[in-house]
Amino acid sequence: MTTIYSSAALKTRQREVKDAALHDVVHITENGNGAFVLMSEEIFERRLQEAAEGAAYEERLRACLRNGRADIEEGRYVEGMEAFSDALDKRLARHG
């Protein structure tokens, strides 16, 4: 659940806002509109790590798709289970 406080709460309920920010991202509003986010450094680092891991995963996925498309364009594919089985047997024989 999203924790939201008004900017006035930073002054009047500072301990409560800080305690909430120790456990999750806290959204701070001004005039009813989102203005800031507050979180502990630990949560910030974890979110950065998650974002970096997600970006790395997406890049690996894009590379796999590029390689797959290149394989298709170059004719490096087989159709059907029998052809796949034969190609796999040949590959395994080559690489021991």
N, C-alpha and C. Protein backbone atom coordinates (compact mmCIF):
# COMPACT_ATOMS: atom_id res chain seq x y z
N MET A 1 0.84 -1.18 0.00
CA MET A 1 0.00 0.00 0.00
C MET A 1 0.89 1.25 0.00
N THR A 2 0.52 2.21 -0.78
CA THR A 2 1.29 3.44 -0.90
C THR A 2 1.06 4.34 0.31
N THR A 3 2.15 4.83 0.88
CA THR A 3 2.07 5.76 2.00
C THR A 3 2.21 7.17 1.47
N ILE A 4 1.23 8.01 1.81
CA ILE A 4 1.20 9.39 1.31
C ILE A 4 1.04 10.34 2.48
N TYR A 5 1.85 11.38 2.51
CA TYR A 5 1.73 12.44 3.51
C TYR A 5 1.76 13.78 2.79
N SER A 6 1.14 14.76 3.42
CA SER A 6 1.24 16.12 2.89
C SER A 6 2.58 16.70 3.31
N SER A 7 3.01 17.73 2.63
CA SER A 7 4.29 18.35 2.99
C SER A 7 4.24 18.93 4.40
N ALA A 8 3.07 19.31 4.88
CA ALA A 8 2.93 19.82 6.25
C ALA A 8 3.29 18.75 7.27
N ALA A 9 3.06 17.48 6.94
CA ALA A 9 3.37 16.39 7.86
C ALA A 9 4.87 16.28 8.11
N LEU A 10 5.68 16.77 7.20
CA LEU A 10 7.13 16.75 7.42
C LEU A 10 7.50 17.55 8.66
N LYS A 11 6.68 18.54 8.99
CA LYS A 11 6.94 19.37 10.16
C LYS A 11 6.17 18.86 11.38
N THR A 12 4.91 18.51 11.18
CA THR A 12 4.06 18.17 12.32
C THR A 12 4.13 16.69 12.72
N ARG A 13 4.49 15.81 11.81
CA ARG A 13 4.52 14.37 12.09
C ARG A 13 5.83 13.76 11.59
N GLN A 14 6.92 14.46 11.84
CA GLN A 14 8.21 14.08 11.29
C GLN A 14 8.61 12.65 11.66
N ARG A 15 8.49 12.25 12.92
CA ARG A 15 8.88 10.91 13.35
C ARG A 15 8.07 9.85 12.61
N GLU A 16 6.76 10.07 12.48
CA GLU A 16 5.89 9.12 11.78
C GLU A 16 6.29 8.97 10.31
N VAL A 17 6.58 10.09 9.68
CA VAL A 17 6.99 10.06 8.27
C VAL A 17 8.31 9.32 8.12
N LYS A 18 9.27 9.61 9.00
CA LYS A 18 10.57 8.94 8.94
C LYS A 18 10.43 7.44 9.18
N ASP A 19 9.60 7.06 10.16
CA ASP A 19 9.39 5.64 10.43
C ASP A 19 8.80 4.93 9.22
N ALA A 20 7.85 5.57 8.57
CA ALA A 20 7.24 4.98 7.37
C ALA A 20 8.28 4.83 6.26
N ALA A 21 9.17 5.82 6.16
CA ALA A 21 10.19 5.81 5.10
C ALA A 21 11.27 4.74 5.35
N LEU A 22 11.35 4.24 6.58
CA LEU A 22 12.30 3.15 6.86
C LEU A 22 11.86 1.85 6.22
N HIS A 23 10.56 1.72 5.96
CA HIS A 23 10.00 0.45 5.48
C HIS A 23 9.54 0.48 4.03
N ASP A 24 9.29 1.65 3.50
CA ASP A 24 8.78 1.74 2.13
C ASP A 24 8.97 3.16 1.61
N VAL A 25 8.66 3.33 0.35
CA VAL A 25 8.72 4.65 -0.28
C VAL A 25 7.52 5.46 0.21
N VAL A 26 7.78 6.68 0.64
CA VAL A 26 6.73 7.58 1.11
C VAL A 26 6.58 8.70 0.08
N HIS A 27 5.35 8.96 -0.31
CA HIS A 27 5.06 10.03 -1.26
C HIS A 27 4.63 11.27 -0.48
N ILE A 28 5.20 12.41 -0.84
CA ILE A 28 4.88 13.68 -0.20
C ILE A 28 4.14 14.54 -1.21
N THR A 29 3.01 15.09 -0.78
CA THR A 29 2.22 15.93 -1.67
C THR A 29 2.31 17.39 -1.27
N GLU A 30 2.10 18.25 -2.24
CA GLU A 30 1.94 19.69 -2.01
C GLU A 30 0.69 20.11 -2.75
N ASN A 31 -0.22 20.73 -2.05
CA ASN A 31 -1.49 21.17 -2.63
C ASN A 31 -2.22 20.00 -3.31
N GLY A 32 -2.11 18.82 -2.70
CA GLY A 32 -2.82 17.65 -3.22
C GLY A 32 -2.17 16.95 -4.39
N ASN A 33 -1.06 17.46 -4.85
CA ASN A 33 -0.36 16.86 -5.99
C ASN A 33 0.95 16.22 -5.53
N GLY A 34 1.33 15.12 -6.18
CA GLY A 34 2.60 14.49 -5.86
C GLY A 34 3.74 15.45 -6.08
N ALA A 35 4.65 15.53 -5.11
CA ALA A 35 5.76 16.47 -5.22
C ALA A 35 7.12 15.81 -4.97
N PHE A 36 7.18 14.92 -3.98
CA PHE A 36 8.46 14.32 -3.59
C PHE A 36 8.25 12.87 -3.18
N VAL A 37 9.35 12.14 -3.11
CA VAL A 37 9.35 10.81 -2.51
C VAL A 37 10.45 10.77 -1.46
N LEU A 38 10.22 9.99 -0.41
CA LEU A 38 11.17 9.88 0.68
C LEU A 38 11.32 8.40 0.99
N MET A 39 12.56 7.96 1.18
CA MET A 39 12.80 6.55 1.53
C MET A 39 14.14 6.46 2.22
N SER A 40 14.35 5.35 2.91
CA SER A 40 15.64 5.13 3.56
C SER A 40 16.69 4.88 2.48
N GLU A 41 17.94 5.06 2.87
CA GLU A 41 19.03 4.81 1.92
C GLU A 41 19.06 3.34 1.52
N GLU A 42 18.74 2.46 2.47
CA GLU A 42 18.71 1.02 2.18
C GLU A 42 17.67 0.70 1.10
N ILE A 43 16.49 1.26 1.22
CA ILE A 43 15.45 1.04 0.21
C ILE A 43 15.88 1.64 -1.12
N PHE A 44 16.47 2.83 -1.07
CA PHE A 44 16.94 3.48 -2.29
C PHE A 44 17.96 2.60 -3.01
N GLU A 45 18.95 2.08 -2.27
CA GLU A 45 19.97 1.22 -2.87
C GLU A 45 19.35 -0.05 -3.44
N ARG A 46 18.39 -0.63 -2.70
CA ARG A 46 17.73 -1.85 -3.19
C ARG A 46 16.96 -1.56 -4.47
N ARG A 47 16.25 -0.44 -4.51
CA ARG A 47 15.50 -0.08 -5.73
C ARG A 47 16.45 0.16 -6.90
N LEU A 48 17.59 0.81 -6.65
CA LEU A 48 18.57 1.02 -7.72
C LEU A 48 19.10 -0.32 -8.22
N GLN A 49 19.40 -1.23 -7.30
CA GLN A 49 19.91 -2.55 -7.68
C GLN A 49 18.87 -3.30 -8.51
N GLU A 50 17.60 -3.25 -8.08
CA GLU A 50 16.53 -3.92 -8.83
C GLU A 50 16.39 -3.33 -10.22
N ALA A 51 16.50 -2.00 -10.32
CA ALA A 51 16.40 -1.35 -11.63
C ALA A 51 17.57 -1.75 -12.52
N ALA A 52 18.77 -1.80 -11.95
CA ALA A 52 19.95 -2.19 -12.73
C ALA A 52 19.83 -3.64 -13.20
N GLU A 53 19.37 -4.53 -12.32
CA GLU A 53 19.19 -5.92 -12.71
C GLU A 53 18.13 -6.06 -13.79
N GLY A 54 17.05 -5.29 -13.67
CA GLY A 54 16.00 -5.32 -14.69
C GLY A 54 16.51 -4.83 -16.03
N ALA A 55 17.30 -3.76 -16.02
CA ALA A 55 17.86 -3.23 -17.26
C ALA A 55 18.83 -4.22 -17.89
N ALA A 56 19.64 -4.88 -17.07
CA ALA A 56 20.59 -5.87 -17.60
C ALA A 56 19.83 -7.06 -18.20
N TYR A 57 18.77 -7.49 -17.54
CA TYR A 57 17.97 -8.60 -18.06
C TYR A 57 17.35 -8.22 -19.41
N GLU A 58 16.79 -7.01 -19.48
CA GLU A 58 16.19 -6.56 -20.73
C GLU A 58 17.21 -6.49 -21.85
N GLU A 59 18.43 -6.06 -21.55
CA GLU A 59 19.47 -6.00 -22.58
C GLU A 59 19.86 -7.40 -23.04
N ARG A 60 19.97 -8.35 -22.11
CA ARG A 60 20.28 -9.73 -22.51
C ARG A 60 19.17 -10.29 -23.39
N LEU A 61 17.93 -9.98 -23.04
CA LEU A 61 16.80 -10.44 -23.83
C LEU A 61 16.83 -9.84 -25.23
N ARG A 62 17.12 -8.53 -25.33
CA ARG A 62 17.23 -7.88 -26.64
C ARG A 62 18.34 -8.52 -27.47
N ALA A 63 19.47 -8.83 -26.83
CA ALA A 63 20.59 -9.47 -27.54
C ALA A 63 20.18 -10.85 -28.06
N CYS A 64 19.45 -11.60 -27.26
CA CYS A 64 18.97 -12.92 -27.71
C CYS A 64 18.04 -12.78 -28.91
N LEU A 65 17.17 -11.79 -28.86
CA LEU A 65 16.25 -11.57 -29.99
C LEU A 65 17.02 -11.16 -31.24
N ARG A 66 18.01 -10.27 -31.09
CA ARG A 66 18.83 -9.87 -32.24
C ARG A 66 19.54 -11.07 -32.83
N ASN A 67 20.13 -11.89 -31.97
CA ASN A 67 20.84 -13.09 -32.45
C ASN A 67 19.89 -14.05 -33.14
N GLY A 68 18.71 -14.22 -32.58
CA GLY A 68 17.72 -15.11 -33.19
C GLY A 68 17.29 -14.62 -34.56
N ARG A 69 17.06 -13.33 -34.66
CA ARG A 69 16.67 -12.76 -35.97
C ARG A 69 17.80 -12.93 -36.98
N ALA A 70 19.04 -12.71 -36.53
CA ALA A 70 20.19 -12.88 -37.44
C ALA A 70 20.30 -14.34 -37.87
N ASP A 71 20.08 -15.27 -36.95
CA ASP A 71 20.12 -16.69 -37.31
C ASP A 71 19.08 -17.01 -38.38
N ILE A 72 17.89 -16.48 -38.22
CA ILE A 72 16.82 -16.74 -39.21
C ILE A 72 17.20 -16.14 -40.56
N GLU A 73 17.68 -14.89 -40.55
CA GLU A 73 18.07 -14.24 -41.81
C GLU A 73 19.19 -14.99 -42.51
N GLU A 74 20.09 -15.61 -41.75
CA GLU A 74 21.23 -16.34 -42.32
C GLU A 74 20.90 -17.81 -42.58
N GLY A 75 19.67 -18.21 -42.31
CA GLY A 75 19.27 -19.59 -42.57
C GLY A 75 19.74 -20.59 -41.54
N ARG A 76 20.13 -20.11 -40.37
CA ARG A 76 20.62 -21.01 -39.32
C ARG A 76 19.45 -21.44 -38.42
N TYR A 77 18.57 -22.26 -39.00
CA TYR A 77 17.44 -22.79 -38.24
C TYR A 77 16.97 -24.06 -38.91
N VAL A 78 16.17 -24.82 -38.19
CA VAL A 78 15.58 -26.05 -38.73
C VAL A 78 14.08 -25.99 -38.50
N GLU A 79 13.35 -26.79 -39.28
CA GLU A 79 11.90 -26.85 -39.13
C GLU A 79 11.51 -28.28 -38.81
N GLY A 80 10.74 -28.46 -37.78
CA GLY A 80 10.23 -29.79 -37.43
C GLY A 80 11.09 -30.49 -36.39
N MET A 81 10.45 -31.40 -35.66
CA MET A 81 11.13 -32.11 -34.58
C MET A 81 12.23 -33.04 -35.09
N GLU A 82 11.99 -33.71 -36.19
CA GLU A 82 13.00 -34.63 -36.71
C GLU A 82 14.26 -33.87 -37.13
N ALA A 83 14.07 -32.76 -37.82
CA ALA A 83 15.22 -31.94 -38.24
C ALA A 83 15.94 -31.38 -37.01
N PHE A 84 15.17 -31.00 -36.01
CA PHE A 84 15.79 -30.49 -34.77
C PHE A 84 16.61 -31.58 -34.10
N SER A 85 16.04 -32.76 -33.99
CA SER A 85 16.74 -33.88 -33.37
C SER A 85 18.04 -34.21 -34.11
N ASP A 86 17.98 -34.23 -35.44
CA ASP A 86 19.18 -34.49 -36.24
C ASP A 86 20.24 -33.41 -36.03
N ALA A 87 19.81 -32.16 -36.04
CA ALA A 87 20.75 -31.05 -35.85
C ALA A 87 21.37 -31.10 -34.46
N LEU A 88 20.57 -31.45 -33.46
CA LEU A 88 21.08 -31.56 -32.10
C LEU A 88 22.10 -32.69 -32.00
N ASP A 89 21.80 -33.83 -32.60
CA ASP A 89 22.73 -34.96 -32.58
C ASP A 89 24.06 -34.56 -33.23
N LYS A 90 24.01 -33.87 -34.36
CA LYS A 90 25.23 -33.44 -35.05
C LYS A 90 26.03 -32.47 -34.17
N ARG A 91 25.32 -31.55 -33.54
CA ARG A 91 26.00 -30.57 -32.69
C ARG A 91 26.66 -31.24 -31.49
N LEU A 92 25.95 -32.17 -30.87
CA LEU A 92 26.52 -32.89 -29.73
C LEU A 92 27.72 -33.72 -30.14
N ALA A 93 27.67 -34.32 -31.32
CA ALA A 93 28.79 -35.12 -31.81
C ALA A 93 30.02 -34.25 -32.04
N ARG A 94 29.80 -33.02 -32.54
CA ARG A 94 30.91 -32.09 -32.79
C ARG A 94 31.57 -31.63 -31.49
N HIS A 95 30.74 -31.38 -30.49
CA HIS A 95 31.25 -30.78 -29.26
C HIS A 95 31.46 -31.79 -28.14
N GLY A 96 31.26 -33.05 -28.46
CA GLY A 96 31.54 -34.14 -27.53
C GLY A 96 30.69 -34.09 -26.34
